[in-house]
Amino acid sequence: FQNVPNDAVIKIFNIRGQHIKTLYHDGNIFDGSVEWDLKTKENMDIAYGVYLYVLESEVGIKKGKIGIIK
């Protein structure tokens, strides 16, 4: 994820709505990127497909989709 506001939280869900992982921006004002290692919160590799994300920050909420191709 790029251009992420400071202190943002990104929640990732599968297409069924099951929570996969939560990512946190470290608050560095010079770096607006957050990396996802493509693993679940149980540290298992994810399957290919479509995932949904919700980015929450003090600026607002952004929702979207991510396609994973392996």
PDB file of N, CA and C in Angstrom:
ATOM      1  N   PHE A   1       0.858  -1.168   0.000  1.00  0.00           N
ATOM      2  CA  PHE A   1       0.000   0.000   0.000  1.00  0.00           C
ATOM      3  C   PHE A   1       0.902   1.227   0.000  1.00  0.00           C
ATOM      4  N   GLN A   2       0.569   2.204  -0.814  1.00  0.00           N
ATOM      5  CA  GLN A   2       1.362   3.417  -0.902  1.00  0.00           C
ATOM      6  C   GLN A   2       0.494   4.632  -0.604  1.00  0.00           C
ATOM      7  N   ASN A   3       1.163   5.710  -0.215  1.00  0.00           N
ATOM      8  CA  ASN A   3       0.499   6.972   0.139  1.00  0.00           C
ATOM      9  C   ASN A   3      -0.479   6.791   1.294  1.00  0.00           C
ATOM     10  N   VAL A   4      -0.060   6.026   2.291  1.00  0.00           N
ATOM     11  CA  VAL A   4      -0.889   5.754   3.468  1.00  0.00           C
ATOM     12  C   VAL A   4      -0.665   6.872   4.488  1.00  0.00           C
ATOM     13  N   PRO A   5      -1.725   7.450   5.052  1.00  0.00           N
ATOM     14  CA  PRO A   5      -1.568   8.491   6.067  1.00  0.00           C
ATOM     15  C   PRO A   5      -0.910   7.941   7.336  1.00  0.00           C
ATOM     16  N   ASN A   6      -0.356   8.843   8.125  1.00  0.00           N
ATOM     17  CA  ASN A   6       0.273   8.456   9.392  1.00  0.00           C
ATOM     18  C   ASN A   6      -0.733   7.788  10.320  1.00  0.00           C
ATOM     19  N   ASP A   7      -0.249   6.824  11.085  1.00  0.00           N
ATOM     20  CA  ASP A   7      -1.043   6.121  12.097  1.00  0.00           C
ATOM     21  C   ASP A   7      -2.312   5.488  11.531  1.00  0.00           C
ATOM     22  N   ALA A   8      -2.224   4.972  10.325  1.00  0.00           N
ATOM     23  CA  ALA A   8      -3.369   4.302   9.687  1.00  0.00           C
ATOM     24  C   ALA A   8      -3.380   2.820  10.048  1.00  0.00           C
ATOM     25  N   VAL A   9      -4.558   2.224   9.999  1.00  0.00           N
ATOM     26  CA  VAL A   9      -4.743   0.795  10.226  1.00  0.00           C
ATOM     27  C   VAL A   9      -5.399   0.227   8.970  1.00  0.00           C
ATOM     28  N   ILE A  10      -4.834  -0.860   8.448  1.00  0.00           N
ATOM     29  CA  ILE A  10      -5.375  -1.504   7.252  1.00  0.00           C
ATOM     30  C   ILE A  10      -5.833  -2.899   7.643  1.00  0.00           C
ATOM     31  N   LYS A  11      -7.119  -3.171   7.491  1.00  0.00           N
ATOM     32  CA  LYS A  11      -7.673  -4.491   7.782  1.00  0.00           C
ATOM     33  C   LYS A  11      -7.960  -5.187   6.456  1.00  0.00           C
ATOM     34  N   ILE A  12      -7.483  -6.422   6.333  1.00  0.00           N
ATOM     35  CA  ILE A  12      -7.631  -7.184   5.100  1.00  0.00           C
ATOM     36  C   ILE A  12      -8.570  -8.357   5.354  1.00  0.00           C
ATOM     37  N   PHE A  13      -9.517  -8.554   4.428  1.00  0.00           N
ATOM     38  CA  PHE A  13     -10.521  -9.602   4.542  1.00  0.00           C
ATOM     39  C   PHE A  13     -10.532 -10.419   3.262  1.00  0.00           C
ATOM     40  N   ASN A  14     -10.935 -11.689   3.361  1.00  0.00           N
ATOM     41  CA  ASN A  14     -11.145 -12.462   2.140  1.00  0.00           C
ATOM     42  C   ASN A  14     -12.525 -12.110   1.587  1.00  0.00           C
ATOM     43  N   ILE A  15     -12.880 -12.687   0.462  1.00  0.00           N
ATOM     44  CA  ILE A  15     -14.124 -12.326  -0.216  1.00  0.00           C
ATOM     45  C   ILE A  15     -15.357 -12.743   0.593  1.00  0.00           C
ATOM     46  N   ARG A  16     -15.180 -13.683   1.515  1.00  0.00           N
ATOM     47  CA  ARG A  16     -16.283 -14.110   2.394  1.00  0.00           C
ATOM     48  C   ARG A  16     -16.458 -13.184   3.598  1.00  0.00           C
ATOM     49  N   GLY A  17     -15.535 -12.234   3.755  1.00  0.00           N
ATOM     50  CA  GLY A  17     -15.611 -11.305   4.868  1.00  0.00           C
ATOM     51  C   GLY A  17     -14.847 -11.754   6.104  1.00  0.00           C
ATOM     52  N   GLN A  18     -14.077 -12.824   5.994  1.00  0.00           N
ATOM     53  CA  GLN A  18     -13.283 -13.300   7.140  1.00  0.00           C
ATOM     54  C   GLN A  18     -12.017 -12.456   7.257  1.00  0.00           C
ATOM     55  N   HIS A  19     -11.711 -12.041   8.486  1.00  0.00           N
ATOM     56  CA  HIS A  19     -10.534 -11.209   8.728  1.00  0.00           C
ATOM     57  C   HIS A  19      -9.265 -12.020   8.482  1.00  0.00           C
ATOM     58  N   ILE A  20      -8.380 -11.505   7.646  1.00  0.00           N
ATOM     59  CA  ILE A  20      -7.142 -12.190   7.286  1.00  0.00           C
ATOM     60  C   ILE A  20      -5.960 -11.614   8.056  1.00  0.00           C
ATOM     61  N   LYS A  21      -5.814 -10.293   8.061  1.00  0.00           N
ATOM     62  CA  LYS A  21      -4.677  -9.671   8.726  1.00  0.00           C
ATOM     63  C   LYS A  21      -4.939  -8.193   8.939  1.00  0.00           C
ATOM     64  N   THR A  22      -4.285  -7.618   9.947  1.00  0.00           N
ATOM     65  CA  THR A  22      -4.326  -6.186  10.195  1.00  0.00           C
ATOM     66  C   THR A  22      -2.911  -5.646  10.070  1.00  0.00           C
ATOM     67  N   LEU A  23      -2.761  -4.591   9.295  1.00  0.00           N
ATOM     68  CA  LEU A  23      -1.469  -3.938   9.098  1.00  0.00           C
ATOM     69  C   LEU A  23      -1.519  -2.549   9.720  1.00  0.00           C
ATOM     70  N   TYR A  24      -0.388  -2.106  10.256  1.00  0.00           N
ATOM     71  CA  TYR A  24      -0.309  -0.797  10.896  1.00  0.00           C
ATOM     72  C   TYR A  24       0.777   0.036  10.232  1.00  0.00           C
ATOM     73  N   HIS A  25       0.480   1.308   9.991  1.00  0.00           N
ATOM     74  CA  HIS A  25       1.505   2.219   9.497  1.00  0.00           C
ATOM     75  C   HIS A  25       2.336   2.637  10.696  1.00  0.00           C
ATOM     76  N   ASP A  26       3.640   2.692  10.538  1.00  0.00           N
ATOM     77  CA  ASP A  26       4.533   2.975  11.668  1.00  0.00           C
ATOM     78  C   ASP A  26       4.550   4.429  12.102  1.00  0.00           C
ATOM     79  N   GLY A  27       3.867   5.290  11.382  1.00  0.00           N
ATOM     80  CA  GLY A  27       3.808   6.689  11.771  1.00  0.00           C
ATOM     81  C   GLY A  27       4.941   7.520  11.215  1.00  0.00           C
ATOM     82  N   ASN A  28       5.805   6.952  10.376  1.00  0.00           N
ATOM     83  CA  ASN A  28       6.892   7.698   9.771  1.00  0.00           C
ATOM     84  C   ASN A  28       6.308   8.655   8.732  1.00  0.00           C
ATOM     85  N   ILE A  29       6.469   9.957   8.934  1.00  0.00           N
ATOM     86  CA  ILE A  29       5.850  10.933   8.031  1.00  0.00           C
ATOM     87  C   ILE A  29       6.537  11.001   6.673  1.00  0.00           C
ATOM     88  N   PHE A  30       7.743  10.440   6.557  1.00  0.00           N
ATOM     89  CA  PHE A  30       8.474  10.479   5.292  1.00  0.00           C
ATOM     90  C   PHE A  30       8.237   9.255   4.431  1.00  0.00           C
ATOM     91  N   ASP A  31       7.586   8.227   4.982  1.00  0.00           N
ATOM     92  CA  ASP A  31       7.366   6.990   4.232  1.00  0.00           C
ATOM     93  C   ASP A  31       5.899   6.614   4.346  1.00  0.00           C
ATOM     94  N   GLY A  32       5.158   6.744   3.247  1.00  0.00           N
ATOM     95  CA  GLY A  32       3.727   6.452   3.264  1.00  0.00           C
ATOM     96  C   GLY A  32       3.393   5.073   2.747  1.00  0.00           C
ATOM     97  N   SER A  33       4.320   4.119   2.876  1.00  0.00           N
ATOM     98  CA  SER A  33       4.045   2.783   2.358  1.00  0.00           C
ATOM     99  C   SER A  33       3.948   1.761   3.483  1.00  0.00           C
ATOM    100  N   VAL A  34       3.078   0.766   3.256  1.00  0.00           N
ATOM    101  CA  VAL A  34       2.898  -0.347   4.190  1.00  0.00           C
ATOM    102  C   VAL A  34       2.988  -1.625   3.377  1.00  0.00           C
ATOM    103  N   GLU A  35       3.824  -2.557   3.810  1.00  0.00           N
ATOM    104  CA  GLU A  35       3.999  -3.814   3.085  1.00  0.00           C
ATOM    105  C   GLU A  35       3.217  -4.935   3.752  1.00  0.00           C
ATOM    106  N   TRP A  36       2.697  -5.827   2.919  1.00  0.00           N
ATOM    107  CA  TRP A  36       2.002  -7.027   3.390  1.00  0.00           C
ATOM    108  C   TRP A  36       2.812  -8.213   2.899  1.00  0.00           C
ATOM    109  N   ASP A  37       3.173  -9.114   3.790  1.00  0.00           N
ATOM    110  CA  ASP A  37       3.987 -10.272   3.440  1.00  0.00           C
ATOM    111  C   ASP A  37       3.170 -11.407   2.816  1.00  0.00           C
ATOM    112  N   LEU A  38       1.906 -11.154   2.506  1.00  0.00           N
ATOM    113  CA  LEU A  38       0.981 -12.123   1.902  1.00  0.00           C
ATOM    114  C   LEU A  38       0.802 -13.350   2.783  1.00  0.00           C
ATOM    115  N   LYS A  39       0.768 -13.117   4.088  1.00  0.00           N
ATOM    116  CA  LYS A  39       0.504 -14.179   5.059  1.00  0.00           C
ATOM    117  C   LYS A  39      -0.693 -13.771   5.915  1.00  0.00           C
ATOM    118  N   THR A  40      -1.370 -14.771   6.468  1.00  0.00           N
ATOM    119  CA  THR A  40      -2.511 -14.512   7.338  1.00  0.00           C
ATOM    120  C   THR A  40      -2.021 -14.141   8.732  1.00  0.00           C
ATOM    121  N   LYS A  41      -2.947 -13.810   9.603  1.00  0.00           N
ATOM    122  CA  LYS A  41      -2.570 -13.499  10.985  1.00  0.00           C
ATOM    123  C   LYS A  41      -2.036 -14.731  11.704  1.00  0.00           C
ATOM    124  N   GLU A  42      -2.305 -15.934  11.173  1.00  0.00           N
ATOM    125  CA  GLU A  42      -1.762 -17.178  11.721  1.00  0.00           C
ATOM    126  C   GLU A  42      -0.422 -17.536  11.073  1.00  0.00           C
ATOM    127  N   ASN A  43       0.128 -16.620  10.249  1.00  0.00           N
ATOM    128  CA  ASN A  43       1.406 -16.772   9.567  1.00  0.00           C
ATOM    129  C   ASN A  43       1.390 -17.870   8.500  1.00  0.00           C
ATOM    130  N   MET A  44       0.237 -18.099   7.869  1.00  0.00           N
ATOM    131  CA  MET A  44       0.116 -19.056   6.773  1.00  0.00           C
ATOM    132  C   MET A  44       0.051 -18.288   5.462  1.00  0.00           C
ATOM    133  N   ASP A  45       0.567 -18.874   4.379  1.00  0.00           N
ATOM    134  CA  ASP A  45       0.493 -18.241   3.066  1.00  0.00           C
ATOM    135  C   ASP A  45      -0.963 -18.116   2.633  1.00  0.00           C
ATOM    136  N   ILE A  46      -1.285 -16.994   1.985  1.00  0.00           N
ATOM    137  CA  ILE A  46      -2.652 -16.803   1.506  1.00  0.00           C
ATOM    138  C   ILE A  46      -2.831 -17.493   0.158  1.00  0.00           C
ATOM    139  N   ALA A  47      -4.071 -17.716  -0.212  1.00  0.00           N
ATOM    140  CA  ALA A  47      -4.402 -18.278  -1.524  1.00  0.00           C
ATOM    141  C   ALA A  47      -4.545 -17.128  -2.521  1.00  0.00           C
ATOM    142  N   TYR A  48      -4.418 -17.429  -3.806  1.00  0.00           N
ATOM    143  CA  TYR A  48      -4.638 -16.397  -4.811  1.00  0.00           C
ATOM    144  C   TYR A  48      -6.129 -16.068  -4.851  1.00  0.00           C
ATOM    145  N   GLY A  49      -6.434 -14.888  -5.317  1.00  0.00           N
ATOM    146  CA  GLY A  49      -7.824 -14.474  -5.408  1.00  0.00           C
ATOM    147  C   GLY A  49      -7.997 -13.011  -5.087  1.00  0.00           C
ATOM    148  N   VAL A  50      -9.223 -12.634  -4.774  1.00  0.00           N
ATOM    149  CA  VAL A  50      -9.567 -11.244  -4.491  1.00  0.00           C
ATOM    150  C   VAL A  50      -9.703 -11.056  -2.986  1.00  0.00           C
ATOM    151  N   TYR A  51      -9.102  -9.991  -2.487  1.00  0.00           N
ATOM    152  CA  TYR A  51      -9.179  -9.638  -1.075  1.00  0.00           C
ATOM    153  C   TYR A  51      -9.704  -8.217  -0.955  1.00  0.00           C
ATOM    154  N   LEU A  52     -10.374  -7.947   0.133  1.00  0.00           N
ATOM    155  CA  LEU A  52     -10.933  -6.628   0.409  1.00  0.00           C
ATOM    156  C   LEU A  52     -10.104  -5.972   1.503  1.00  0.00           C
ATOM    157  N   TYR A  53      -9.988  -4.652   1.445  1.00  0.00           N
ATOM    158  CA  TYR A  53      -9.277  -3.950   2.512  1.00  0.00           C
ATOM    159  C   TYR A  53     -10.076  -2.740   2.970  1.00  0.00           C
ATOM    160  N   VAL A  54      -9.859  -2.386   4.227  1.00  0.00           N
ATOM    161  CA  VAL A  54     -10.432  -1.182   4.809  1.00  0.00           C
ATOM    162  C   VAL A  54      -9.285  -0.436   5.469  1.00  0.00           C
ATOM    163  N   LEU A  55      -8.990   0.770   4.990  1.00  0.00           N
ATOM    164  CA  LEU A  55      -7.944   1.604   5.548  1.00  0.00           C
ATOM    165  C   LEU A  55      -8.613   2.684   6.381  1.00  0.00           C
ATOM    166  N   GLU A  56      -8.278   2.728   7.661  1.00  0.00           N
ATOM    167  CA  GLU A  56      -8.864   3.716   8.565  1.00  0.00           C
ATOM    168  C   GLU A  56      -7.764   4.616   9.102  1.00  0.00           C
ATOM    169  N   SER A  57      -8.014   5.934   9.050  1.00  0.00           N
ATOM    170  CA  SER A  57      -7.085   6.907   9.618  1.00  0.00           C
ATOM    171  C   SER A  57      -7.881   8.116  10.067  1.00  0.00           C
ATOM    172  N   GLU A  58      -7.178   9.099  10.617  1.00  0.00           N
ATOM    173  CA  GLU A  58      -7.883  10.305  11.038  1.00  0.00           C
ATOM    174  C   GLU A  58      -8.385  11.098   9.833  1.00  0.00           C
ATOM    175  N   VAL A  59      -7.830  10.826   8.652  1.00  0.00           N
ATOM    176  CA  VAL A  59      -8.268  11.502   7.427  1.00  0.00           C
ATOM    177  C   VAL A  59      -9.613  10.957   6.967  1.00  0.00           C
ATOM    178  N   GLY A  60      -9.870   9.659   7.206  1.00  0.00           N
ATOM    179  CA  GLY A  60     -11.121   9.051   6.788  1.00  0.00           C
ATOM    180  C   GLY A  60     -10.965   7.553   6.592  1.00  0.00           C
ATOM    181  N   ILE A  61     -11.922   6.962   5.891  1.00  0.00           N
ATOM    182  CA  ILE A  61     -11.941   5.520   5.632  1.00  0.00           C
ATOM    183  C   ILE A  61     -11.917   5.300   4.126  1.00  0.00           C
ATOM    184  N   LYS A  62     -11.069   4.377   3.694  1.00  0.00           N
ATOM    185  CA  LYS A  62     -10.976   4.007   2.275  1.00  0.00           C
ATOM    186  C   LYS A  62     -11.171   2.503   2.175  1.00  0.00           C
ATOM    187  N   LYS A  63     -12.042   2.061   1.271  1.00  0.00           N
ATOM    188  CA  LYS A  63     -12.299   0.639   1.053  1.00  0.00           C
ATOM    189  C   LYS A  63     -11.910   0.293  -0.378  1.00  0.00           C
ATOM    190  N   GLY A  64     -11.435  -0.944  -0.579  1.00  0.00           N
ATOM    191  CA  GLY A  64     -11.054  -1.342  -1.917  1.00  0.00           C
ATOM    192  C   GLY A  64     -10.828  -2.826  -2.040  1.00  0.00           C
ATOM    193  N   LYS A  65     -10.388  -3.244  -3.227  1.00  0.00           N
ATOM    194  CA  LYS A  65     -10.130  -4.661  -3.528  1.00  0.00           C
ATOM    195  C   LYS A  65      -8.685  -4.808  -3.986  1.00  0.00           C
ATOM    196  N   ILE A  66      -8.133  -5.997  -3.720  1.00  0.00           N
ATOM    197  CA  ILE A  66      -6.790  -6.352  -4.167  1.00  0.00           C
ATOM    198  C   ILE A  66      -6.882  -7.715  -4.842  1.00  0.00           C
ATOM    199  N   GLY A  67      -6.273  -7.841  -6.003  1.00  0.00           N
ATOM    200  CA  GLY A  67      -6.197  -9.134  -6.675  1.00  0.00           C
ATOM    201  C   GLY A  67      -4.819  -9.720  -6.479  1.00  0.00           C
ATOM    202  N   ILE A  68      -4.735 -10.951  -5.975  1.00  0.00           N
ATOM    203  CA  ILE A  68      -3.458 -11.629  -5.742  1.00  0.00           C
ATOM    204  C   ILE A  68      -3.304 -12.724  -6.786  1.00  0.00           C
ATOM    205  N   ILE A  69      -2.220 -12.659  -7.534  1.00  0.00           N
ATOM    206  CA  ILE A  69      -1.910 -13.655  -8.547  1.00  0.00           C
ATOM    207  C   ILE A  69      -0.564 -14.266  -8.181  1.00  0.00           C
ATOM    208  N   LYS A  70      -0.527 -15.576  -8.070  1.00  0.00           N
ATOM    209  CA  LYS A  70       0.739 -16.241  -7.723  1.00  0.00           C
ATOM    210  C   LYS A  70       1.296 -16.956  -8.920  1.00  0.00           C
TER     211      LYS A  70
END
